[in-house]
Amino acid sequence: MNDLPIGRGRMSEGYRREAKRFKIITDGLKTEEGYFVRLNELSFDTVETVTKKGFSLDEMLEEAKKIKVFGADYDEVCIVLDIDDRLKGKRSKRNLVSFLGDAENAGVPVYLSNESFEVWLLAHKMIVPKRAWKREEAMKLAISSGLLDGERHKNVVFEEINSNSVRRALIENDRLRKVYGNNLLKSKPMTDVDKIVRKIELLD
C-alpha cells in the first residue's frame, strides 16, 4: 500500500522514489499556466509555474536564476516560451538568440514552441497539420477540437488533458520532429515542450 499522498511519493516492491520538483517560468498567463496546473494534477511529481503579465525575456531569465540560487531545491527550473513574433524582425531575432545563449550559460533550459504553445496542445488530439505553425490557425484548431474555451479562448479544457492524451502528444511530437527537424527557430509547426513533459512522471 502506498504510504504517501498521491502524486508526491511512490512505494513499489519496497522501493520509494521521491517525487521530483519542477518550476516552470512562462509568459503564458492563461494557456501555458493552465496546462501545467493540469499536468501537476496528473503527475507523480510536483509541477509549479511562475508567470506574470508582460514577462520579458530578461525578466524570465532573472527569475529563473533567482529561483535556482535562492529557491527551494528544484530538480529543474526552466522556461517555456512561444516564438510568436520574436522572429518577425532582425532585432527581435537577435534578442531571442542572445537570450537563448544567456539561458544556456546560466544552466536554464528553454523549451520553445514555433509558433505557439497551441501546437503542443493539438498534439494531444490530432495529427498536427502544417498550417498550425500560424498562431491563428493553431488557435482555431484548438478551439474547434475542444482544447480551449473561456474568455478569448485562452483556458485549457482540463478534461481533454489526461494521461493518455499526454502520451499521445509525446508520440505525435516525435513525428513532428522527424518531419520538420530539430531547429526550433526554423522548424514549424514544432515544439520542444515534450522535452520537459517527458521528465515528469504521470500517475497512470
C-alpha atoms as a PDB file:
ATOM      1  CA  MET A   1       0.000   0.000   0.000  1.00  0.00           C
ATOM      2  CA  ASN A   2       1.243   3.494  -0.861  1.00  0.00           C
ATOM      3  CA  ASP A   3       2.015   5.306   2.384  1.00  0.00           C
ATOM      4  CA  LEU A   4       2.450   8.714   0.767  1.00  0.00           C
ATOM      5  CA  PRO A   5      -0.040  11.246  -0.633  1.00  0.00           C
ATOM      6  CA  ILE A   6      -0.909  10.522  -4.253  1.00  0.00           C
ATOM      7  CA  GLY A   7       1.489  12.220  -6.621  1.00  0.00           C
ATOM      8  CA  ARG A   8       4.140  13.010  -4.025  1.00  0.00           C
ATOM      9  CA  GLY A   9       5.902   9.684  -3.473  1.00  0.00           C
ATOM     10  CA  ARG A  10       5.585   6.089  -4.638  1.00  0.00           C
ATOM     11  CA  MET A  11       6.170   2.709  -2.998  1.00  0.00           C
ATOM     12  CA  SER A  12       6.944  -0.170  -5.359  1.00  0.00           C
ATOM     13  CA  GLU A  13       8.310  -3.514  -4.167  1.00  0.00           C
ATOM     14  CA  GLY A  14       9.938  -1.886  -1.173  1.00  0.00           C
ATOM     15  CA  TYR A  15      11.452   0.985  -3.159  1.00  0.00           C
ATOM     16  CA  ARG A  16      10.180   4.530  -2.905  1.00  0.00           C
ATOM     17  CA  ARG A  17      11.225   7.176  -5.410  1.00  0.00           C
ATOM     18  CA  GLU A  18      10.854  10.666  -4.080  1.00  0.00           C
ATOM     19  CA  ALA A  19       8.789  12.971  -6.236  1.00  0.00           C
ATOM     20  CA  LYS A  20      10.782  15.395  -8.320  1.00  0.00           C
ATOM     21  CA  ARG A  21      10.002  19.108  -8.304  1.00  0.00           C
ATOM     22  CA  PHE A  22       9.809  21.264 -11.401  1.00  0.00           C
ATOM     23  CA  LYS A  23       9.492  25.056 -11.590  1.00  0.00           C
ATOM     24  CA  ILE A  24       8.318  26.325 -14.971  1.00  0.00           C
ATOM     25  CA  ILE A  25       8.535  30.005 -15.834  1.00  0.00           C
ATOM     26  CA  THR A  26       6.379  31.221 -18.697  1.00  0.00           C
ATOM     27  CA  ASP A  27       4.818  34.358 -20.120  1.00  0.00           C
ATOM     28  CA  GLY A  28       1.667  32.398 -20.988  1.00  0.00           C
ATOM     29  CA  LEU A  29      -0.657  33.862 -18.389  1.00  0.00           C
ATOM     30  CA  LYS A  30      -3.615  31.584 -19.155  1.00  0.00           C
ATOM     31  CA  THR A  31      -2.905  28.772 -21.593  1.00  0.00           C
ATOM     32  CA  GLU A  32       0.570  27.625 -20.593  1.00  0.00           C
ATOM     33  CA  GLU A  33      -0.038  28.158 -16.895  1.00  0.00           C
ATOM     34  CA  GLY A  34      -3.341  26.292 -17.091  1.00  0.00           C
ATOM     35  CA  TYR A  35      -1.765  23.369 -18.915  1.00  0.00           C
ATOM     36  CA  PHE A  36       0.947  22.889 -16.308  1.00  0.00           C
ATOM     37  CA  VAL A  37      -1.556  23.238 -13.459  1.00  0.00           C
ATOM     38  CA  ARG A  38      -3.442  20.364 -15.076  1.00  0.00           C
ATOM     39  CA  LEU A  39      -0.234  18.387 -15.614  1.00  0.00           C
ATOM     40  CA  ASN A  40       0.550  18.744 -11.924  1.00  0.00           C
ATOM     41  CA  GLU A  41      -2.808  17.096 -11.139  1.00  0.00           C
ATOM     42  CA  LEU A  42      -1.889  14.172 -13.397  1.00  0.00           C
ATOM     43  CA  SER A  43       1.663  13.764 -12.138  1.00  0.00           C
ATOM     44  CA  PHE A  44       3.525  11.797  -9.540  1.00  0.00           C
ATOM     45  CA  ASP A  45       5.982  14.711  -9.489  1.00  0.00           C
ATOM     46  CA  THR A  46       5.307  18.311  -8.469  1.00  0.00           C
ATOM     47  CA  VAL A  47       4.948  20.900 -11.231  1.00  0.00           C
ATOM     48  CA  GLU A  48       4.811  24.584 -10.274  1.00  0.00           C
ATOM     49  CA  THR A  49       4.575  27.631 -12.525  1.00  0.00           C
ATOM     50  CA  VAL A  50       5.623  31.264 -12.329  1.00  0.00           C
ATOM     51  CA  THR A  51       4.070  33.740 -14.736  1.00  0.00           C
ATOM     52  CA  LYS A  52       3.011  37.356 -14.911  1.00  0.00           C
ATOM     53  CA  LYS A  53       1.641  39.755 -17.463  1.00  0.00           C
ATOM     54  CA  GLY A  54       4.311  41.378 -19.590  1.00  0.00           C
ATOM     55  CA  PHE A  55       7.105  38.987 -18.565  1.00  0.00           C
ATOM     56  CA  SER A  56      10.074  39.978 -20.755  1.00  0.00           C
ATOM     57  CA  LEU A  57      12.796  37.554 -21.810  1.00  0.00           C
ATOM     58  CA  ASP A  58      15.286  39.147 -19.441  1.00  0.00           C
ATOM     59  CA  GLU A  59      12.816  39.091 -16.562  1.00  0.00           C
ATOM     60  CA  MET A  60      12.059  35.412 -17.086  1.00  0.00           C
ATOM     61  CA  LEU A  61      15.743  34.536 -17.094  1.00  0.00           C
ATOM     62  CA  GLU A  62      16.441  36.616 -13.999  1.00  0.00           C
ATOM     63  CA  GLU A  63      13.509  34.943 -12.222  1.00  0.00           C
ATOM     64  CA  ALA A  64      14.858  31.508 -13.154  1.00  0.00           C
ATOM     65  CA  LYS A  65      18.358  32.369 -11.947  1.00  0.00           C
ATOM     66  CA  LYS A  66      16.981  33.743  -8.689  1.00  0.00           C
ATOM     67  CA  ILE A  67      14.977  30.595  -8.039  1.00  0.00           C
ATOM     68  CA  LYS A  68      17.992  28.410  -8.795  1.00  0.00           C
ATOM     69  CA  VAL A  69      20.069  30.304  -6.229  1.00  0.00           C
ATOM     70  CA  PHE A  70      17.578  31.200  -3.508  1.00  0.00           C
ATOM     71  CA  GLY A  71      14.559  28.985  -4.111  1.00  0.00           C
ATOM     72  CA  ALA A  72      13.655  25.543  -2.927  1.00  0.00           C
ATOM     73  CA  ASP A  73      15.553  22.510  -4.100  1.00  0.00           C
ATOM     74  CA  TYR A  74      14.012  22.020  -7.544  1.00  0.00           C
ATOM     75  CA  ASP A  75      15.121  19.237  -9.830  1.00  0.00           C
ATOM     76  CA  GLU A  76      14.698  21.586 -12.772  1.00  0.00           C
ATOM     77  CA  VAL A  77      13.993  25.277 -13.230  1.00  0.00           C
ATOM     78  CA  CYS A  78      13.149  26.062 -16.839  1.00  0.00           C
ATOM     79  CA  ILE A  79      11.436  28.489 -19.195  1.00  0.00           C
ATOM     80  CA  VAL A  80       8.597  27.658 -21.623  1.00  0.00           C
ATOM     81  CA  LEU A  81       8.277  30.203 -24.401  1.00  0.00           C
ATOM     82  CA  ASP A  82       6.457  30.827 -27.676  1.00  0.00           C
ATOM     83  CA  ILE A  83       8.465  32.120 -30.607  1.00  0.00           C
ATOM     84  CA  ASP A  84       5.380  34.036 -31.761  1.00  0.00           C
ATOM     85  CA  ASP A  85       6.564  37.398 -33.124  1.00  0.00           C
ATOM     86  CA  ARG A  86      10.111  37.036 -31.816  1.00  0.00           C
ATOM     87  CA  LEU A  87      11.406  36.186 -35.280  1.00  0.00           C
ATOM     88  CA  LYS A  88       9.493  38.894 -37.112  1.00  0.00           C
ATOM     89  CA  GLY A  89      12.431  41.283 -37.395  1.00  0.00           C
ATOM     90  CA  LYS A  90      16.222  41.142 -37.288  1.00  0.00           C
ATOM     91  CA  ARG A  91      16.370  42.883 -33.927  1.00  0.00           C
ATOM     92  CA  SER A  92      13.815  40.619 -32.256  1.00  0.00           C
ATOM     93  CA  LYS A  93      15.585  37.551 -33.666  1.00  0.00           C
ATOM     94  CA  ARG A  94      18.937  38.772 -32.334  1.00  0.00           C
ATOM     95  CA  ASN A  95      17.337  39.335 -28.935  1.00  0.00           C
ATOM     96  CA  LEU A  96      15.910  35.813 -28.898  1.00  0.00           C
ATOM     97  CA  VAL A  97      19.179  34.193 -29.970  1.00  0.00           C
ATOM     98  CA  SER A  98      21.073  36.221 -27.367  1.00  0.00           C
ATOM     99  CA  PHE A  99      18.549  35.229 -24.693  1.00  0.00           C
ATOM    100  CA  LEU A 100      18.902  31.542 -25.582  1.00  0.00           C
ATOM    101  CA  GLY A 101      22.675  31.818 -25.250  1.00  0.00           C
ATOM    102  CA  ASP A 102      22.411  33.590 -21.902  1.00  0.00           C
ATOM    103  CA  ALA A 103      19.968  30.964 -20.629  1.00  0.00           C
ATOM    104  CA  GLU A 104      22.264  28.136 -21.696  1.00  0.00           C
ATOM    105  CA  ASN A 105      25.194  29.795 -19.926  1.00  0.00           C
ATOM    106  CA  ALA A 106      23.064  30.133 -16.798  1.00  0.00           C
ATOM    107  CA  GLY A 107      22.055  26.467 -16.915  1.00  0.00           C
ATOM    108  CA  VAL A 108      18.387  27.282 -17.516  1.00  0.00           C
ATOM    109  CA  PRO A 109      16.695  25.074 -20.153  1.00  0.00           C
ATOM    110  CA  VAL A 110      14.365  26.892 -22.546  1.00  0.00           C
ATOM    111  CA  TYR A 111      11.586  24.951 -24.276  1.00  0.00           C
ATOM    112  CA  LEU A 112      10.301  26.739 -27.367  1.00  0.00           C
ATOM    113  CA  SER A 113       7.183  26.405 -29.491  1.00  0.00           C
ATOM    114  CA  ASN A 114       7.099  27.627 -33.085  1.00  0.00           C
ATOM    115  CA  GLU A 115       4.925  29.473 -33.466  1.00  0.00           C
ATOM    116  CA  SER A 116       2.759  28.891 -30.409  1.00  0.00           C
ATOM    117  CA  PHE A 117       2.037  26.617 -27.451  1.00  0.00           C
ATOM    118  CA  GLU A 118      -1.177  25.542 -29.166  1.00  0.00           C
ATOM    119  CA  VAL A 119       0.929  23.237 -31.366  1.00  0.00           C
ATOM    120  CA  TRP A 120       1.659  21.164 -28.267  1.00  0.00           C
ATOM    121  CA  LEU A 121      -1.994  21.170 -27.250  1.00  0.00           C
ATOM    122  CA  LEU A 122      -3.091  19.994 -30.700  1.00  0.00           C
ATOM    123  CA  ALA A 123      -0.722  17.033 -30.477  1.00  0.00           C
ATOM    124  CA  HIS A 124      -2.929  15.692 -27.674  1.00  0.00           C
ATOM    125  CA  LYS A 125      -5.813  15.113 -30.087  1.00  0.00           C
ATOM    126  CA  MET A 126      -4.675  15.035 -33.707  1.00  0.00           C
ATOM    127  CA  ILE A 127      -2.009  14.752 -36.337  1.00  0.00           C
ATOM    128  CA  VAL A 128      -0.877  18.367 -36.309  1.00  0.00           C
ATOM    129  CA  PRO A 129      -1.309  19.894 -39.794  1.00  0.00           C
ATOM    130  CA  LYS A 130       1.355  22.080 -41.341  1.00  0.00           C
ATOM    131  CA  ARG A 131      -0.877  25.150 -41.220  1.00  0.00           C
ATOM    132  CA  ALA A 132      -0.802  25.010 -37.403  1.00  0.00           C
ATOM    133  CA  TRP A 133       2.521  26.856 -37.387  1.00  0.00           C
ATOM    134  CA  LYS A 134       0.435  30.007 -37.795  1.00  0.00           C
ATOM    135  CA  ARG A 135      -0.870  31.073 -34.395  1.00  0.00           C
ATOM    136  CA  GLU A 136      -4.298  31.965 -35.770  1.00  0.00           C
ATOM    137  CA  GLU A 137      -4.713  28.557 -37.409  1.00  0.00           C
ATOM    138  CA  ALA A 138      -3.450  26.678 -34.359  1.00  0.00           C
ATOM    139  CA  MET A 139      -5.871  28.623 -32.173  1.00  0.00           C
ATOM    140  CA  LYS A 140      -8.815  27.859 -34.472  1.00  0.00           C
ATOM    141  CA  LEU A 141      -7.979  24.154 -34.440  1.00  0.00           C
ATOM    142  CA  ALA A 142      -7.563  24.103 -30.651  1.00  0.00           C
ATOM    143  CA  ILE A 143     -10.936  25.779 -30.178  1.00  0.00           C
ATOM    144  CA  SER A 144     -12.768  23.559 -32.664  1.00  0.00           C
ATOM    145  CA  SER A 145     -11.178  20.474 -31.054  1.00  0.00           C
ATOM    146  CA  GLY A 146     -12.468  21.468 -27.627  1.00  0.00           C
ATOM    147  CA  LEU A 147      -8.995  22.060 -26.167  1.00  0.00           C
ATOM    148  CA  LEU A 148      -9.547  25.743 -25.359  1.00  0.00           C
ATOM    149  CA  ASP A 149     -12.514  27.701 -24.039  1.00  0.00           C
ATOM    150  CA  GLY A 150     -13.310  30.650 -21.808  1.00  0.00           C
ATOM    151  CA  GLU A 151     -12.695  34.346 -22.356  1.00  0.00           C
ATOM    152  CA  ARG A 152     -10.692  34.870 -25.554  1.00  0.00           C
ATOM    153  CA  HIS A 153     -10.353  31.075 -25.721  1.00  0.00           C
ATOM    154  CA  LYS A 154      -7.257  31.043 -23.519  1.00  0.00           C
ATOM    155  CA  ASN A 155      -8.321  28.457 -20.930  1.00  0.00           C
ATOM    156  CA  VAL A 156      -7.188  24.857 -21.327  1.00  0.00           C
ATOM    157  CA  VAL A 157     -10.078  22.396 -21.027  1.00  0.00           C
ATOM    158  CA  PHE A 158      -8.766  20.099 -18.311  1.00  0.00           C
ATOM    159  CA  GLU A 159     -10.974  17.164 -19.301  1.00  0.00           C
ATOM    160  CA  GLU A 160      -9.151  16.982 -22.644  1.00  0.00           C
ATOM    161  CA  ILE A 161      -5.747  16.678 -20.962  1.00  0.00           C
ATOM    162  CA  ASN A 162      -5.258  13.279 -19.348  1.00  0.00           C
ATOM    163  CA  SER A 163      -2.506  10.700 -19.069  1.00  0.00           C
ATOM    164  CA  ASN A 164      -3.484   9.015 -22.328  1.00  0.00           C
ATOM    165  CA  SER A 165      -3.686  12.255 -24.300  1.00  0.00           C
ATOM    166  CA  VAL A 166      -0.330  13.412 -22.905  1.00  0.00           C
ATOM    167  CA  ARG A 167       1.281  10.174 -24.062  1.00  0.00           C
ATOM    168  CA  ARG A 168      -0.357  10.613 -27.443  1.00  0.00           C
ATOM    169  CA  ALA A 169       1.121  14.131 -27.654  1.00  0.00           C
ATOM    170  CA  LEU A 170       4.605  12.756 -26.970  1.00  0.00           C
ATOM    171  CA  ILE A 171       4.248  10.309 -29.865  1.00  0.00           C
ATOM    172  CA  GLU A 172       2.892  12.987 -32.194  1.00  0.00           C
ATOM    173  CA  ASN A 173       5.724  15.324 -31.269  1.00  0.00           C
ATOM    174  CA  ASP A 174       8.232  12.638 -32.258  1.00  0.00           C
ATOM    175  CA  ARG A 175       6.540  12.563 -35.653  1.00  0.00           C
ATOM    176  CA  LEU A 176       6.680  16.358 -35.967  1.00  0.00           C
ATOM    177  CA  ARG A 177      10.380  16.339 -35.198  1.00  0.00           C
ATOM    178  CA  LYS A 178      11.019  13.741 -37.908  1.00  0.00           C
ATOM    179  CA  VAL A 179       9.080  15.820 -40.422  1.00  0.00           C
ATOM    180  CA  TYR A 180      10.256  19.325 -39.558  1.00  0.00           C
ATOM    181  CA  GLY A 181      13.603  18.825 -37.827  1.00  0.00           C
ATOM    182  CA  ASN A 182      15.127  19.918 -34.541  1.00  0.00           C
ATOM    183  CA  ASN A 183      15.881  23.588 -35.165  1.00  0.00           C
ATOM    184  CA  LEU A 184      13.013  25.341 -33.417  1.00  0.00           C
ATOM    185  CA  LEU A 185      13.954  28.692 -34.936  1.00  0.00           C
ATOM    186  CA  LYS A 186      13.280  27.238 -38.375  1.00  0.00           C
ATOM    187  CA  SER A 187      11.059  24.203 -37.811  1.00  0.00           C
ATOM    188  CA  LYS A 188       7.325  24.795 -37.833  1.00  0.00           C
ATOM    189  CA  PRO A 189       4.903  23.685 -36.608  1.00  0.00           C
ATOM    190  CA  MET A 190       7.177  22.416 -33.863  1.00  0.00           C
ATOM    191  CA  THR A 191       7.585  22.451 -30.106  1.00  0.00           C
ATOM    192  CA  ASP A 192      10.102  21.316 -27.523  1.00  0.00           C
ATOM    193  CA  VAL A 193       7.553  21.204 -24.691  1.00  0.00           C
ATOM    194  CA  ASP A 194       7.652  17.412 -24.914  1.00  0.00           C
ATOM    195  CA  LYS A 195      11.221  17.505 -23.573  1.00  0.00           C
ATOM    196  CA  ILE A 196      10.124  18.828 -20.189  1.00  0.00           C
ATOM    197  CA  VAL A 197       6.930  16.742 -20.101  1.00  0.00           C
ATOM    198  CA  ARG A 198       8.958  13.558 -20.669  1.00  0.00           C
ATOM    199  CA  LYS A 199      10.828  14.259 -17.438  1.00  0.00           C
ATOM    200  CA  ILE A 200       7.616  14.348 -15.405  1.00  0.00           C
ATOM    201  CA  GLU A 201       6.188  11.020 -14.289  1.00  0.00           C
ATOM    202  CA  LEU A 202       2.472  10.583 -14.811  1.00  0.00           C
ATOM    203  CA  LEU A 203       0.369   8.850 -12.176  1.00  0.00           C
ATOM    204  CA  ASP A 204      -1.027   6.200 -14.544  1.00  0.00           C
END
